[in-house]
Protein backbone atom coordinates (compact mmCIF):
# COMPACT_ATOMS: atom_id res chain seq x y z
CA MET A 1 51.53 5.00 16.05
CA ALA A 2 48.99 7.02 14.02
CA GLY A 3 45.81 8.30 15.67
CA ASN A 4 42.68 6.20 15.50
CA ASN A 5 39.97 7.89 13.37
CA GLN A 6 37.41 5.22 14.15
CA PRO A 7 34.42 6.49 16.17
CA ASP A 8 33.99 5.28 19.72
CA LEU A 9 31.14 2.76 19.76
CA PHE A 10 30.44 3.45 23.43
CA GLN A 11 30.26 7.22 23.11
CA ALA A 12 26.87 8.87 23.61
CA ASP A 13 24.90 9.12 20.36
CA THR A 14 25.32 12.61 18.93
CA GLN A 15 23.07 11.96 15.93
CA VAL A 16 19.88 12.37 17.97
CA GLU A 17 20.11 16.17 17.93
CA ARG A 18 19.98 16.17 14.14
CA PHE A 19 16.38 15.00 14.07
CA ASP A 20 13.54 17.30 14.96
CA GLU A 21 11.31 15.12 17.10
CA THR A 22 8.56 17.75 17.08
CA ALA A 23 8.18 17.75 13.30
CA ALA A 24 4.87 16.35 12.10
CA PRO A 25 5.08 13.29 9.85
CA VAL A 26 4.50 13.94 6.18
CA TYR A 27 2.03 11.73 4.36
CA TYR A 28 1.94 11.67 0.59
CA LYS A 29 -1.28 11.16 -1.22
CA GLY A 30 -1.30 8.86 -4.23
CA ASP A 31 -1.78 10.29 -7.68
CA PRO A 32 -5.51 9.73 -8.36
CA ASP A 33 -4.94 8.89 -12.03
CA ARG A 34 -2.33 6.23 -11.22
CA VAL A 35 -4.42 4.86 -8.35
CA ARG A 36 -7.50 4.71 -10.55
CA ALA A 37 -5.59 2.91 -13.33
CA ARG A 38 -4.17 0.35 -10.90
CA LEU A 39 -7.53 -0.34 -9.27
CA HIS A 40 -9.23 -0.74 -12.64
CA ARG A 41 -6.48 -3.14 -13.75
CA ILE A 42 -6.92 -5.28 -10.61
CA LEU A 43 -10.69 -5.21 -11.02
CA SER A 44 -10.42 -6.17 -14.71
CA GLU A 45 -8.25 -9.18 -13.84
CA ALA A 46 -10.89 -10.31 -11.37
CA ARG A 47 -13.83 -9.74 -13.74
CA VAL A 48 -12.45 -11.87 -16.59
CA ALA A 49 -11.42 -14.76 -14.32
CA ASN A 50 -13.50 -17.85 -13.64
CA ALA A 51 -11.38 -18.69 -10.61
CA LEU A 52 -9.18 -16.62 -8.33
CA PRO A 53 -6.51 -15.32 -10.76
CA TRP A 54 -3.89 -14.71 -8.07
CA ASP A 55 -1.97 -16.85 -5.65
CA PRO A 56 -3.26 -16.61 -2.04
CA ALA A 57 -0.58 -14.12 -0.99
CA ARG A 58 -1.41 -11.71 -3.82
CA ALA A 59 -5.15 -12.07 -3.16
CA ARG A 60 -4.55 -11.13 0.50
CA LEU A 61 -2.43 -8.19 -0.62
CA TYR A 62 -5.17 -6.94 -2.95
CA ARG A 63 -7.81 -7.35 -0.24
CA ARG A 64 -5.65 -5.11 1.93
CA ILE A 65 -4.50 -2.47 -0.56
CA VAL A 66 -7.65 -1.98 -2.67
CA PRO A 67 -9.57 -0.37 0.22
CA GLN A 68 -6.50 1.67 1.20
CA MET A 69 -5.86 2.91 -2.32
CA SER A 70 -9.51 3.73 -2.95
CA VAL A 71 -9.48 6.45 -0.27
CA TRP A 72 -7.19 8.48 -2.56
CA LEU A 73 -10.07 8.85 -5.01
CA PRO A 74 -13.23 10.92 -4.66
CA GLU A 75 -15.35 9.31 -1.96
CA ASP A 76 -18.17 8.01 -4.18
CA GLU A 77 -15.76 6.64 -6.79
CA GLY A 78 -13.61 4.92 -4.17
CA GLU A 79 -16.66 3.40 -2.50
CA GLN A 80 -17.94 2.08 -5.83
CA LEU A 81 -14.60 0.47 -6.68
CA ARG A 82 -14.38 -1.14 -3.22
CA LEU A 83 -17.89 -2.55 -3.65
CA GLU A 84 -17.13 -3.89 -7.14
CA PHE A 85 -13.88 -5.46 -5.96
CA GLU A 86 -15.52 -7.17 -2.97
CA THR A 87 -18.34 -8.42 -5.21
CA GLU A 88 -15.81 -9.97 -7.60
CA MET A 89 -13.83 -11.50 -4.73
CA GLU A 90 -16.97 -13.11 -3.32
CA ARG A 91 -17.88 -14.46 -6.77
CA LEU A 92 -14.41 -15.91 -7.29
CA GLN A 93 -14.28 -17.48 -3.84
CA SER A 94 -17.68 -19.11 -4.28
CA ALA A 95 -16.53 -20.52 -7.62
CA ALA A 96 -13.63 -22.31 -5.93
């Protein structure tokens, strides 16, 4: 009978040593130009609408990601875009 090349499922995990647990996580910052373009597109959709232009799930997503994405821009620009987005969201919700 030929030898079994299948790994032993009950053997101690040897993969753990391959990961450096002391390494700091790496966070990537969004490209400001792409972030700016996306935020302006979302804001434009809201501005031209008379009612909420997105389904509830997408509206919740935008309420979550717009503030997060805006921190990748210069502080004053990000703050202005957050304010404009929230103003439009309030307008659209009151129109419903």
